[in-house]
């Protein structure tokens, strides 16, 4: 085992830096359930401004953020459309069904991206014996597709179709910051086409906890109600919100380094026989490599023995995510280790 493991399992493994810990320790706090935590309020206002929305709400996790938005937008017996490999469909423990009594209609995409045509075909006819299609959920960037970015032009098409079809539009923007950094399209422009947006602070931005959802003032008032029902009311949460404010101020620009490191790692893995990577899918900070001739879990186990931590993409795919706690030197070392093990 290496002296220090290089942890590429996820960008959620980052730990708050010393300056972030200092602002957390010094944060002014109050009771957020009463709306009286000044630091939480500052964070919510900051994210609302960044996304061009009327209001925002701090929540403990991205899953809770998505599920609250689904709850506000739908009624029991409704249906939402999501890409088949989306986080909402795969990694939120059937939350839409459990919490909102809503059915998910999974639709096949290309590198995680839907088309307007496939969405149109997925919308149910207005017949009494079919579920009512109420909501379209888009994930940008798309995790299981390898951090791919849905182009802004396509998002505009989705918006126009949703308005014609009387659908609400939700953005799972857990890594929206990465999409914005890679394309130059502002978070506000992305968010402008959606009725609700969820963004994460504890992935690429390095905060220890938390996501923020945003929308109209009326939407967020209803979301606050469901946050309480779902157990997400936090009291002196300013300690956590301070980390989010620090992250927004200091850690957005550096996401480009994570993207460069992901491209470097992809190039190194591509040189290994039996490792396959779609270069067009390496757009931000996630690398998905298919493995031929050996199961992914055995590759992950052998890499772990040499101090390189990876995660499963599927039974025949491995996943590596670059983030602020791994340097370019770490990435080169990880790539070299993989070449030595499997080359």
Protein backbone atom coordinates (compact mmCIF):
# COMPACT_ATOMS: atom_id res chain seq x y z
CA UNK A 1 0.00 0.00 0.00
CA UNK A 2 1.27 3.45 -0.86
CA UNK A 3 2.03 5.85 1.97
CA UNK A 4 -0.86 8.07 0.90
CA UNK A 5 -3.71 6.76 -1.22
CA UNK A 6 -4.72 8.76 -4.27
CA UNK A 7 -8.48 8.89 -3.87
CA UNK A 8 -10.25 9.13 -7.22
CA UNK A 9 -13.50 7.50 -6.12
CA UNK A 10 -15.48 10.76 -6.17
CA UNK A 11 -15.20 14.51 -5.78
CA UNK A 12 -17.26 14.06 -2.59
CA UNK A 13 -14.21 12.81 -0.70
CA UNK A 14 -12.62 16.26 -0.40
CA UNK A 15 -11.98 17.68 3.05
CA UNK A 16 -12.37 21.32 4.03
CA UNK A 17 -9.15 23.30 3.81
CA UNK A 18 -7.73 25.10 6.83
CA UNK A 19 -9.00 28.53 5.61
CA UNK A 20 -12.46 27.01 5.09
CA UNK A 21 -12.38 25.54 8.60
CA UNK A 22 -11.49 28.95 9.99
CA UNK A 23 -14.47 30.69 8.38
CA UNK A 24 -16.69 27.87 9.60
CA UNK A 25 -15.46 28.32 13.16
CA UNK A 26 -16.06 32.07 12.99
CA UNK A 27 -19.50 31.89 11.35
CA UNK A 28 -22.35 33.91 12.81
CA UNK A 29 -25.27 31.57 13.46
CA UNK A 30 -28.94 31.54 14.41
CA UNK A 31 -31.90 29.18 14.13
CA UNK A 32 -32.40 28.48 10.45
CA UNK A 33 -35.77 26.76 10.96
CA UNK A 34 -36.95 30.20 12.10
CA UNK A 35 -35.12 31.75 9.14
CA UNK A 36 -32.74 33.46 11.57
CA UNK A 37 -29.33 32.09 10.64
CA UNK A 38 -27.59 35.06 8.99
CA UNK A 39 -24.89 32.97 7.30
CA UNK A 40 -27.43 30.56 5.81
CA UNK A 41 -29.40 33.53 4.56
CA UNK A 42 -26.27 35.00 2.95
CA UNK A 43 -25.54 31.69 1.22
CA UNK A 44 -29.09 31.40 -0.10
CA UNK A 45 -28.99 34.95 -1.40
CA UNK A 46 -25.61 34.37 -3.04
CA UNK A 47 -26.75 31.23 -4.86
CA UNK A 48 -30.01 32.86 -5.93
CA UNK A 49 -27.98 35.69 -7.50
CA UNK A 50 -25.57 33.29 -9.20
CA UNK A 51 -28.48 31.36 -10.71
CA UNK A 52 -30.65 34.39 -11.47
CA UNK A 53 -33.53 33.09 -9.36
CA UNK A 54 -35.79 34.88 -6.89
CA UNK A 55 -34.92 32.69 -3.93
CA UNK A 56 -32.91 29.67 -2.80
CA UNK A 57 -32.89 27.14 0.02
CA UNK A 58 -29.95 25.38 1.72
CA UNK A 59 -30.48 21.62 2.07
CA UNK A 60 -28.29 18.86 3.53
CA UNK A 61 -27.78 16.91 0.30
CA UNK A 62 -28.26 16.87 -3.44
CA UNK A 63 -30.65 13.95 -3.18
CA UNK A 64 -32.85 15.87 -0.77
CA UNK A 65 -32.68 18.90 -3.07
CA UNK A 66 -33.83 16.91 -6.08
CA UNK A 67 -36.55 15.13 -4.14
CA UNK A 68 -37.94 18.34 -2.68
CA UNK A 69 -38.14 19.83 -6.17
CA UNK A 70 -39.93 16.73 -7.48
CA UNK A 71 -42.38 16.94 -4.58
CA UNK A 72 -43.22 20.59 -5.22
CA UNK A 73 -43.66 20.13 -8.98
CA UNK A 74 -45.85 16.99 -8.92
CA UNK A 75 -48.90 15.31 -7.47
CA UNK A 76 -49.23 11.62 -6.50
CA UNK A 77 -49.80 9.48 -9.57
CA UNK A 78 -47.84 11.79 -11.88
CA UNK A 79 -44.84 10.79 -13.94
CA UNK A 80 -41.49 12.46 -14.54
CA UNK A 81 -39.11 11.91 -17.44
CA UNK A 82 -35.40 11.37 -16.75
CA UNK A 83 -32.48 9.93 -18.68
CA UNK A 84 -32.00 6.22 -17.95
CA UNK A 85 -28.57 6.66 -16.32
CA UNK A 86 -29.52 9.77 -14.36
CA UNK A 87 -28.83 10.22 -10.65
CA UNK A 88 -32.53 10.73 -9.91
CA UNK A 89 -33.39 7.34 -11.43
CA UNK A 90 -30.40 5.31 -10.23
CA UNK A 91 -29.00 6.75 -7.00
CA UNK A 92 -31.83 8.26 -4.99
CA UNK A 93 -33.27 4.98 -3.63
CA UNK A 94 -36.58 5.28 -5.51
CA UNK A 95 -37.16 8.56 -3.70
CA UNK A 96 -39.65 9.89 -6.24
CA UNK A 97 -41.88 6.85 -5.71
CA UNK A 98 -41.36 6.69 -1.96
CA UNK A 99 -41.69 10.38 -1.09
CA UNK A 100 -43.91 11.78 -3.85
CA UNK A 101 -45.77 8.73 -5.20
CA UNK A 102 -44.45 9.68 -8.62
CA UNK A 103 -43.34 7.27 -11.33
CA UNK A 104 -40.07 7.79 -13.21
CA UNK A 105 -40.14 7.21 -16.97
CA UNK A 106 -36.49 6.46 -17.86
CA UNK A 107 -35.50 7.37 -21.42
CA UNK A 108 -32.33 6.26 -23.21
CA UNK A 109 -29.90 9.05 -24.00
CA UNK A 110 -26.65 9.47 -25.91
CA UNK A 111 -23.74 10.14 -23.52
CA UNK A 112 -26.37 11.03 -20.95
CA UNK A 113 -28.14 13.50 -23.23
CA UNK A 114 -31.74 13.25 -24.29
CA UNK A 115 -33.11 14.64 -27.53
CA UNK A 116 -36.25 16.69 -27.93
CA UNK A 117 -37.68 13.92 -30.09
CA UNK A 118 -37.17 11.21 -27.44
CA UNK A 119 -38.68 13.46 -24.78
CA UNK A 120 -41.70 14.20 -26.98
CA UNK A 121 -42.27 10.48 -27.53
CA UNK A 122 -42.05 9.86 -23.77
CA UNK A 123 -44.79 12.33 -22.86
CA UNK A 124 -47.99 10.43 -22.11
CA UNK A 125 -51.17 11.06 -24.09
CA UNK A 126 -53.85 12.83 -22.08
CA UNK A 127 -55.83 9.68 -21.38
CA UNK A 128 -57.47 8.99 -18.04
CA UNK A 129 -55.83 5.56 -17.65
CA UNK A 130 -52.27 6.85 -18.09
CA UNK A 131 -50.07 8.72 -15.63
CA UNK A 132 -49.82 12.45 -16.24
CA UNK A 133 -46.40 13.61 -17.40
CA UNK A 134 -45.64 16.62 -15.21
CA UNK A 135 -41.88 17.05 -15.01
CA UNK A 136 -38.73 16.74 -17.10
CA UNK A 137 -35.46 16.33 -15.16
CA UNK A 138 -32.09 17.04 -16.79
CA UNK A 139 -28.72 16.20 -15.17
CA UNK A 140 -25.88 18.53 -16.18
CA UNK A 141 -23.12 17.46 -15.98
CA UNK A 142 -24.12 13.82 -16.27
CA UNK A 143 -22.36 11.59 -13.76
CA UNK A 144 -22.74 8.06 -15.21
CA UNK A 145 -22.01 9.29 -18.73
CA UNK A 146 -18.64 10.57 -17.54
CA UNK A 147 -19.28 14.21 -16.66
CA UNK A 148 -20.76 15.08 -20.04
CA UNK A 149 -22.35 18.47 -20.67
CA UNK A 150 -25.78 19.03 -22.19
CA UNK A 151 -25.27 21.92 -24.66
CA UNK A 152 -27.11 25.15 -23.98
CA UNK A 153 -28.76 25.01 -27.40
CA UNK A 154 -30.33 21.67 -26.55
CA UNK A 155 -31.48 22.99 -23.18
CA UNK A 156 -33.25 25.84 -24.99
CA UNK A 157 -35.06 23.25 -27.10
CA UNK A 158 -36.11 21.38 -23.95
CA UNK A 159 -37.40 24.62 -22.45
CA UNK A 160 -39.46 25.50 -25.51
CA UNK A 161 -40.92 22.00 -25.72
CA UNK A 162 -41.70 21.91 -21.99
CA UNK A 163 -43.66 25.14 -22.29
CA UNK A 164 -45.65 23.78 -25.23
CA UNK A 165 -46.31 20.51 -23.41
CA UNK A 166 -47.14 22.17 -20.07
CA UNK A 167 -44.24 20.45 -18.28
CA UNK A 168 -42.10 21.76 -15.47
CA UNK A 169 -38.34 21.56 -15.97
CA UNK A 170 -35.87 20.69 -13.20
CA UNK A 171 -32.08 20.83 -13.43
CA UNK A 172 -30.06 18.42 -11.34
CA UNK A 173 -27.02 20.66 -11.45
CA UNK A 174 -24.92 18.89 -8.83
CA UNK A 175 -21.93 19.61 -11.08
CA UNK A 176 -23.35 22.62 -12.91
CA UNK A 177 -20.28 24.57 -11.79
CA UNK A 178 -18.15 22.17 -13.86
CA UNK A 179 -20.36 22.60 -16.91
CA UNK A 180 -20.11 26.37 -16.62
CA UNK A 181 -16.34 26.35 -16.18
CA UNK A 182 -15.85 24.05 -19.18
CA UNK A 183 -18.14 25.92 -21.58
CA UNK A 184 -18.02 29.54 -20.43
CA UNK A 185 -21.83 29.53 -20.18
CA UNK A 186 -22.80 31.18 -16.90
CA UNK A 187 -24.73 29.27 -14.24
CA UNK A 188 -27.39 31.96 -14.57
CA UNK A 189 -27.89 31.27 -18.27
CA UNK A 190 -28.15 27.53 -17.69
CA UNK A 191 -30.60 28.06 -14.84
CA UNK A 192 -32.76 30.53 -16.77
CA UNK A 193 -34.39 27.70 -18.73
CA UNK A 194 -35.46 25.71 -15.67
CA UNK A 195 -38.24 26.11 -13.12
CA UNK A 196 -36.01 24.72 -10.39
CA UNK A 197 -32.30 24.04 -9.99
CA UNK A 198 -30.27 22.02 -7.51
CA UNK A 199 -26.53 22.72 -7.13
CA UNK A 200 -23.99 20.98 -4.91
CA UNK A 201 -21.35 22.57 -2.69
CA UNK A 202 -19.67 19.38 -1.44
CA UNK A 203 -18.34 17.99 -4.73
CA UNK A 204 -15.97 20.05 -6.85
CA UNK A 205 -16.20 23.06 -4.55
CA UNK A 206 -14.91 21.18 -1.52
CA UNK A 207 -17.44 22.13 1.16
CA UNK A 208 -18.10 19.34 3.66
CA UNK A 209 -21.91 19.29 3.41
CA UNK A 210 -24.75 20.76 1.48
CA UNK A 211 -26.63 21.66 -1.67
CA UNK A 212 -28.87 24.57 -2.58
CA UNK A 213 -32.11 24.58 -4.58
CA UNK A 214 -33.40 27.68 -6.32
CA UNK A 215 -36.55 28.91 -8.05
CA UNK A 216 -39.29 31.47 -7.62
CA UNK A 217 -40.04 32.86 -4.17
CA UNK A 218 -43.33 30.94 -4.17
CA UNK A 219 -41.58 27.71 -5.14
CA UNK A 220 -38.96 28.06 -2.40
CA UNK A 221 -41.61 28.79 0.22
CA UNK A 222 -43.27 25.50 -0.66
CA UNK A 223 -39.86 23.78 -0.77
CA UNK A 224 -39.14 25.00 2.78
CA UNK A 225 -42.32 23.26 3.91
CA UNK A 226 -41.23 19.95 2.38
CA UNK A 227 -37.66 20.31 3.62
CA UNK A 228 -39.09 20.30 7.13
CA UNK A 229 -41.30 17.28 6.41
CA UNK A 230 -38.34 15.37 4.94
CA UNK A 231 -36.27 16.06 8.07
CA UNK A 232 -33.98 18.65 6.49
CA UNK A 233 -34.61 21.52 8.89
CA UNK A 234 -31.23 22.44 10.36
CA UNK A 235 -30.79 24.76 13.31
CA UNK A 236 -27.45 26.62 13.63
CA UNK A 237 -26.47 25.62 10.10
CA UNK A 238 -24.40 28.75 9.48
CA UNK A 239 -21.28 26.76 10.32
CA UNK A 240 -21.96 24.66 7.22
CA UNK A 241 -23.22 27.56 5.11
CA UNK A 242 -19.99 29.44 5.78
CA UNK A 243 -18.09 26.63 4.06
CA UNK A 244 -20.39 26.99 1.06
CA UNK A 245 -19.83 30.74 0.88
CA UNK A 246 -16.08 30.24 1.06
CA UNK A 247 -16.26 27.61 -1.68
CA UNK A 248 -18.23 29.89 -4.01
CA UNK A 249 -15.74 32.70 -3.48
CA UNK A 250 -12.50 30.70 -3.76
CA UNK A 251 -13.05 27.37 -5.52
CA UNK A 252 -14.98 28.00 -8.72
CA UNK A 253 -12.09 29.09 -10.91
CA UNK A 254 -9.90 26.14 -9.97
CA UNK A 255 -12.34 23.60 -11.45
CA UNK A 256 -10.49 23.95 -14.75
CA UNK A 257 -7.51 22.19 -13.14
CA UNK A 258 -9.70 19.21 -12.31
CA UNK A 259 -10.78 19.05 -15.95
CA UNK A 260 -7.17 19.13 -17.15
CA UNK A 261 -6.27 16.37 -14.72
CA UNK A 262 -9.16 14.21 -15.95
CA UNK A 263 -7.98 14.58 -19.55
CA UNK A 264 -4.45 13.61 -18.50
CA UNK A 265 -5.69 10.52 -16.67
CA UNK A 266 -7.86 9.51 -19.62
CA UNK A 267 -4.88 9.69 -21.98
CA UNK A 268 -2.80 7.52 -19.66
CA UNK A 269 -5.54 4.91 -19.21
CA UNK A 270 -6.17 4.77 -22.96
CA UNK A 271 -2.63 3.48 -23.44
CA UNK A 272 -3.47 0.33 -21.45
CA UNK A 273 -4.59 -2.68 -23.54
CA UNK A 274 -8.22 -3.55 -22.85
CA UNK A 275 -9.08 -0.15 -21.39
CA UNK A 276 -11.59 1.76 -23.49
CA UNK A 277 -12.56 5.42 -23.09
CA UNK A 278 -14.77 7.52 -25.34
CA UNK A 279 -12.67 10.71 -25.67
CA UNK A 280 -15.78 12.75 -26.46
CA UNK A 281 -17.21 11.88 -23.05
CA UNK A 282 -14.25 13.28 -21.08
CA UNK A 283 -15.53 16.83 -20.85
CA UNK A 284 -15.12 17.76 -17.19
CA UNK A 285 -13.74 15.90 -14.16
CA UNK A 286 -15.01 12.33 -14.59
CA UNK A 287 -13.36 9.47 -16.48
CA UNK A 288 -15.29 6.28 -17.23
CA UNK A 289 -13.18 3.43 -18.64
CA UNK A 290 -14.58 0.16 -19.94
CA UNK A 291 -12.53 -2.95 -19.14
CA UNK A 292 -12.34 -5.99 -21.39
CA UNK A 293 -11.07 -9.35 -20.21
CA UNK A 294 -11.33 -8.71 -16.48
CA UNK A 295 -14.11 -7.68 -14.08
CA UNK A 296 -14.07 -4.08 -12.91
CA UNK A 297 -14.13 -5.03 -9.23
CA UNK A 298 -10.87 -6.97 -9.59
CA UNK A 299 -9.23 -3.99 -11.31
CA UNK A 300 -10.41 -1.74 -8.49
CA UNK A 301 -9.12 -4.18 -5.84
CA UNK A 302 -5.65 -4.42 -7.42
CA UNK A 303 -5.41 -0.66 -7.83
CA UNK A 304 -6.38 -0.20 -4.18
CA UNK A 305 -3.49 -2.45 -3.12
CA UNK A 306 -1.16 0.04 -4.84
CA UNK A 307 -2.81 3.08 -3.29
CA UNK A 308 -5.10 4.16 -6.16
CA UNK A 309 -8.76 4.32 -5.13
CA UNK A 310 -11.34 4.00 -7.91
CA UNK A 311 -15.08 3.31 -8.00
CA UNK A 312 -17.36 1.10 -10.05
CA UNK A 313 -18.97 2.52 -13.15
CA UNK A 314 -20.70 -0.83 -13.76
CA UNK A 315 -19.64 -4.50 -13.80
CA UNK A 316 -17.24 -3.77 -16.69
CA UNK A 317 -16.43 -0.09 -16.16
CA UNK A 318 -14.31 1.82 -13.67
CA UNK A 319 -14.81 5.43 -12.69
CA UNK A 320 -12.25 8.02 -11.64
CA UNK A 321 -13.07 11.55 -10.54
CA UNK A 322 -10.54 14.35 -10.21
CA UNK A 323 -10.98 16.99 -7.53
CA UNK A 324 -9.21 19.62 -5.45
CA UNK A 325 -7.52 17.11 -3.14
CA UNK A 326 -5.58 15.40 -5.95
CA UNK A 327 -2.79 17.22 -7.77
CA UNK A 328 -1.55 16.75 -11.31
CA UNK A 329 1.40 14.88 -9.81
CA UNK A 330 -1.05 12.56 -8.04
CA UNK A 331 -2.88 11.95 -11.30
CA UNK A 332 0.36 11.15 -13.14
CA UNK A 333 1.32 8.75 -10.37
CA UNK A 334 -2.10 7.08 -10.48
CA UNK A 335 -1.91 6.73 -14.26
CA UNK A 336 1.59 5.28 -14.08
CA UNK A 337 0.49 2.81 -11.42
CA UNK A 338 -2.39 1.64 -13.58
CA UNK A 339 -0.06 1.23 -16.56
CA UNK A 340 2.33 -0.85 -14.45
CA UNK A 341 -0.47 -3.04 -13.13
CA UNK A 342 -2.40 -3.64 -16.32
CA UNK A 343 -0.19 -2.57 -19.24
